[in-house]
Amino acid sequence: MQITLQLADDVARALEQGATADASAQPLTRLASELGIALRPLHPGARDAALRRYFVAELADSSATDSALQRLRTSSGVLAAYVKPTDAMP
């Protein structure tokens, strides 16, 4: 299950630069480690500040999605966390 996250600018910037120990990113990186997920940019190398704020994570256990989303949404630096609905025919 893929989770999409919208992060605060400072957190996204720190993660993009690999500064996972940065004070702004540390709570989220600690939580990601607890959940067993790796955060990666949705739009790597994007110059647009709005696009750089989006990250994705793969959650192996889909039964834990609701719990993971709830925890991610309450983490500092996370503005939104959601699972993209499946595409459907119009």
N, C-alpha and C. Protein backbone atom coordinates (compact mmCIF):
# COMPACT_ATOMS: atom_id res chain seq x y z
N MET A 1 0.86 -1.17 0.00
CA MET A 1 0.00 0.00 0.00
C MET A 1 0.91 1.24 0.00
N GLN A 2 0.65 2.14 -0.93
CA GLN A 2 1.47 3.36 -1.01
C GLN A 2 0.77 4.51 -0.30
N ILE A 3 1.52 5.13 0.59
CA ILE A 3 1.03 6.29 1.33
C ILE A 3 1.71 7.52 0.75
N THR A 4 0.92 8.57 0.51
CA THR A 4 1.45 9.84 0.04
C THR A 4 1.43 10.83 1.20
N LEU A 5 2.53 11.56 1.35
CA LEU A 5 2.65 12.54 2.44
C LEU A 5 2.96 13.91 1.87
N GLN A 6 2.32 14.91 2.44
CA GLN A 6 2.69 16.30 2.15
C GLN A 6 3.37 16.80 3.41
N LEU A 7 4.60 17.27 3.25
CA LEU A 7 5.42 17.68 4.39
C LEU A 7 5.61 19.19 4.45
N ALA A 8 5.92 19.66 5.63
CA ALA A 8 6.30 21.06 5.80
C ALA A 8 7.60 21.30 5.03
N ASP A 9 7.81 22.53 4.59
CA ASP A 9 8.98 22.86 3.78
C ASP A 9 10.30 22.44 4.43
N ASP A 10 10.48 22.76 5.71
CA ASP A 10 11.75 22.46 6.36
C ASP A 10 12.00 20.96 6.48
N VAL A 11 10.96 20.19 6.72
CA VAL A 11 11.10 18.74 6.83
C VAL A 11 11.42 18.15 5.46
N ALA A 12 10.69 18.57 4.44
CA ALA A 12 10.94 18.07 3.08
C ALA A 12 12.36 18.41 2.63
N ARG A 13 12.80 19.62 2.91
CA ARG A 13 14.15 20.05 2.53
C ARG A 13 15.21 19.19 3.23
N ALA A 14 15.01 18.94 4.51
CA ALA A 14 15.97 18.13 5.26
C ALA A 14 16.03 16.70 4.72
N LEU A 15 14.88 16.11 4.45
CA LEU A 15 14.85 14.75 3.92
C LEU A 15 15.46 14.68 2.52
N GLU A 16 15.17 15.68 1.72
CA GLU A 16 15.70 15.73 0.36
C GLU A 16 17.23 15.80 0.37
N GLN A 17 17.78 16.48 1.37
CA GLN A 17 19.23 16.64 1.48
C GLN A 17 19.87 15.49 2.25
N GLY A 18 19.05 14.53 2.70
CA GLY A 18 19.58 13.39 3.43
C GLY A 18 19.91 13.70 4.88
N ALA A 19 19.42 14.81 5.38
CA ALA A 19 19.70 15.23 6.76
C ALA A 19 18.63 14.67 7.70
N THR A 20 18.57 13.35 7.80
CA THR A 20 17.53 12.72 8.61
C THR A 20 17.68 13.01 10.10
N ALA A 21 18.87 13.42 10.51
CA ALA A 21 19.09 13.75 11.92
C ALA A 21 18.74 15.21 12.21
N ASP A 22 18.36 15.96 11.19
CA ASP A 22 17.95 17.35 11.36
C ASP A 22 16.79 17.40 12.34
N ALA A 23 16.80 18.39 13.21
CA ALA A 23 15.77 18.50 14.25
C ALA A 23 14.36 18.55 13.68
N SER A 24 14.17 19.18 12.53
CA SER A 24 12.84 19.28 11.95
C SER A 24 12.35 17.94 11.40
N ALA A 25 13.27 17.11 10.91
CA ALA A 25 12.90 15.84 10.30
C ALA A 25 12.95 14.66 11.26
N GLN A 26 13.60 14.83 12.38
CA GLN A 26 13.83 13.71 13.30
C GLN A 26 12.56 13.02 13.80
N PRO A 27 11.52 13.74 14.21
CA PRO A 27 10.32 13.02 14.65
C PRO A 27 9.72 12.13 13.55
N LEU A 28 9.71 12.62 12.33
CA LEU A 28 9.15 11.85 11.23
C LEU A 28 10.05 10.66 10.87
N THR A 29 11.34 10.86 10.83
CA THR A 29 12.23 9.75 10.50
C THR A 29 12.18 8.67 11.58
N ARG A 30 12.03 9.07 12.82
CA ARG A 30 11.90 8.10 13.91
C ARG A 30 10.61 7.30 13.75
N LEU A 31 9.52 7.99 13.44
CA LEU A 31 8.24 7.32 13.24
C LEU A 31 8.29 6.39 12.02
N ALA A 32 8.89 6.84 10.95
CA ALA A 32 9.01 6.01 9.75
C ALA A 32 9.78 4.73 10.07
N SER A 33 10.81 4.85 10.87
CA SER A 33 11.57 3.67 11.28
C SER A 33 10.70 2.72 12.11
N GLU A 34 9.91 3.26 13.03
CA GLU A 34 9.02 2.43 13.84
C GLU A 34 7.99 1.71 12.97
N LEU A 35 7.50 2.39 11.93
CA LEU A 35 6.49 1.81 11.05
C LEU A 35 7.10 0.89 9.99
N GLY A 36 8.41 0.92 9.87
CA GLY A 36 9.09 0.09 8.88
C GLY A 36 8.92 0.58 7.46
N ILE A 37 8.86 1.90 7.30
CA ILE A 37 8.70 2.48 5.97
C ILE A 37 9.88 3.38 5.64
N ALA A 38 10.15 3.50 4.36
CA ALA A 38 11.19 4.41 3.88
C ALA A 38 10.50 5.53 3.10
N LEU A 39 10.86 6.75 3.41
CA LEU A 39 10.28 7.91 2.74
C LEU A 39 11.13 8.27 1.53
N ARG A 40 10.47 8.50 0.40
CA ARG A 40 11.19 8.93 -0.79
C ARG A 40 10.39 10.01 -1.49
N PRO A 41 11.08 10.94 -2.15
CA PRO A 41 10.37 12.03 -2.83
C PRO A 41 9.46 11.50 -3.93
N LEU A 42 8.28 12.05 -4.04
CA LEU A 42 7.37 11.69 -5.12
C LEU A 42 7.85 12.28 -6.44
N HIS A 43 8.46 13.45 -6.38
CA HIS A 43 8.97 14.14 -7.57
C HIS A 43 10.46 14.46 -7.36
N PRO A 44 11.33 13.45 -7.40
CA PRO A 44 12.76 13.71 -7.15
C PRO A 44 13.34 14.72 -8.12
N GLY A 45 14.09 15.65 -7.58
CA GLY A 45 14.74 16.66 -8.41
C GLY A 45 13.85 17.80 -8.86
N ALA A 46 12.61 17.82 -8.39
CA ALA A 46 11.69 18.89 -8.79
C ALA A 46 12.20 20.24 -8.29
N ARG A 47 12.04 21.26 -9.11
CA ARG A 47 12.45 22.60 -8.70
C ARG A 47 11.30 23.36 -8.05
N ASP A 48 10.09 22.95 -8.35
CA ASP A 48 8.90 23.59 -7.80
C ASP A 48 8.79 23.26 -6.31
N ALA A 49 8.73 24.28 -5.49
CA ALA A 49 8.68 24.09 -4.04
C ALA A 49 7.47 23.28 -3.59
N ALA A 50 6.35 23.47 -4.27
CA ALA A 50 5.14 22.73 -3.90
C ALA A 50 5.30 21.24 -4.18
N LEU A 51 5.92 20.89 -5.28
CA LEU A 51 6.11 19.48 -5.63
C LEU A 51 7.13 18.81 -4.72
N ARG A 52 8.13 19.55 -4.28
CA ARG A 52 9.19 18.98 -3.43
C ARG A 52 8.66 18.55 -2.07
N ARG A 53 7.49 19.01 -1.69
CA ARG A 53 6.93 18.71 -0.38
C ARG A 53 6.25 17.35 -0.32
N TYR A 54 6.09 16.68 -1.47
CA TYR A 54 5.38 15.40 -1.50
C TYR A 54 6.36 14.22 -1.47
N PHE A 55 6.10 13.31 -0.56
CA PHE A 55 6.89 12.10 -0.40
C PHE A 55 5.95 10.90 -0.40
N VAL A 56 6.49 9.73 -0.69
CA VAL A 56 5.70 8.50 -0.65
C VAL A 56 6.43 7.48 0.19
N ALA A 57 5.65 6.52 0.68
CA ALA A 57 6.19 5.41 1.46
C ALA A 57 5.36 4.18 1.15
N GLU A 58 6.01 3.04 1.08
CA GLU A 58 5.33 1.77 0.85
C GLU A 58 5.14 1.09 2.20
N LEU A 59 3.91 0.72 2.46
CA LEU A 59 3.57 0.02 3.69
C LEU A 59 3.28 -1.43 3.32
N ALA A 60 4.10 -2.36 3.82
CA ALA A 60 3.98 -3.76 3.44
C ALA A 60 2.69 -4.40 3.97
N ASP A 61 2.30 -4.04 5.18
CA ASP A 61 1.12 -4.64 5.80
C ASP A 61 -0.08 -3.72 5.60
N SER A 62 -0.92 -4.03 4.61
CA SER A 62 -2.05 -3.16 4.30
C SER A 62 -3.08 -3.12 5.42
N SER A 63 -3.06 -4.10 6.30
CA SER A 63 -4.01 -4.08 7.42
C SER A 63 -3.62 -3.03 8.46
N ALA A 64 -2.40 -2.54 8.39
CA ALA A 64 -1.93 -1.53 9.34
C ALA A 64 -2.03 -0.12 8.77
N THR A 65 -2.67 0.03 7.61
CA THR A 65 -2.71 1.32 6.93
C THR A 65 -3.40 2.40 7.77
N ASP A 66 -4.58 2.10 8.31
CA ASP A 66 -5.31 3.11 9.08
C ASP A 66 -4.51 3.58 10.28
N SER A 67 -3.89 2.65 10.98
CA SER A 67 -3.08 3.01 12.14
C SER A 67 -1.87 3.84 11.74
N ALA A 68 -1.21 3.44 10.65
CA ALA A 68 -0.04 4.19 10.18
C ALA A 68 -0.43 5.59 9.75
N LEU A 69 -1.55 5.72 9.04
CA LEU A 69 -2.01 7.04 8.61
C LEU A 69 -2.31 7.94 9.80
N GLN A 70 -2.96 7.38 10.79
CA GLN A 70 -3.29 8.17 11.98
C GLN A 70 -2.02 8.67 12.68
N ARG A 71 -1.03 7.80 12.81
CA ARG A 71 0.22 8.19 13.46
C ARG A 71 0.98 9.21 12.62
N LEU A 72 1.01 9.01 11.31
CA LEU A 72 1.71 9.95 10.43
C LEU A 72 1.06 11.33 10.46
N ARG A 73 -0.26 11.36 10.46
CA ARG A 73 -0.98 12.64 10.45
C ARG A 73 -0.74 13.46 11.71
N THR A 74 -0.42 12.82 12.80
CA THR A 74 -0.17 13.55 14.04
C THR A 74 1.31 13.88 14.24
N SER A 75 2.16 13.43 13.33
CA SER A 75 3.58 13.71 13.44
C SER A 75 3.87 15.15 13.03
N SER A 76 4.75 15.80 13.77
CA SER A 76 5.09 17.18 13.42
C SER A 76 5.78 17.20 12.06
N GLY A 77 5.43 18.17 11.27
CA GLY A 77 6.01 18.31 9.94
C GLY A 77 5.20 17.64 8.84
N VAL A 78 4.19 16.85 9.23
CA VAL A 78 3.33 16.21 8.23
C VAL A 78 2.06 17.04 8.10
N LEU A 79 1.82 17.57 6.92
CA LEU A 79 0.62 18.37 6.67
C LEU A 79 -0.54 17.50 6.22
N ALA A 80 -0.24 16.40 5.53
CA ALA A 80 -1.28 15.47 5.07
C ALA A 80 -0.65 14.10 4.85
N ALA A 81 -1.45 13.07 5.07
CA ALA A 81 -1.04 11.69 4.79
C ALA A 81 -2.28 10.96 4.31
N TYR A 82 -2.18 10.31 3.16
CA TYR A 82 -3.35 9.65 2.60
C TYR A 82 -2.93 8.54 1.65
N VAL A 83 -3.90 7.68 1.35
CA VAL A 83 -3.74 6.66 0.33
C VAL A 83 -4.55 7.11 -0.88
N LYS A 84 -3.91 7.17 -2.02
CA LYS A 84 -4.58 7.61 -3.24
C LYS A 84 -5.65 6.56 -3.60
N PRO A 85 -6.85 7.00 -3.86
CA PRO A 85 -7.89 6.05 -4.26
C PRO A 85 -7.52 5.37 -5.57
N THR A 86 -7.96 4.15 -5.75
CA THR A 86 -7.67 3.44 -6.98
C THR A 86 -8.37 4.13 -8.15
N ASP A 87 -7.73 4.09 -9.29
CA ASP A 87 -8.31 4.69 -10.49
C ASP A 87 -9.52 3.88 -10.92
N ALA A 88 -10.52 4.55 -11.42
CA ALA A 88 -11.73 3.88 -11.88
C ALA A 88 -12.12 4.44 -13.24
N MET A 89 -12.81 3.64 -13.98
CA MET A 89 -13.32 4.09 -15.28
C MET A 89 -14.39 5.15 -15.05
N PRO A 90 -14.44 6.17 -15.91
CA PRO A 90 -15.46 7.21 -15.75
C PRO A 90 -16.85 6.68 -16.04
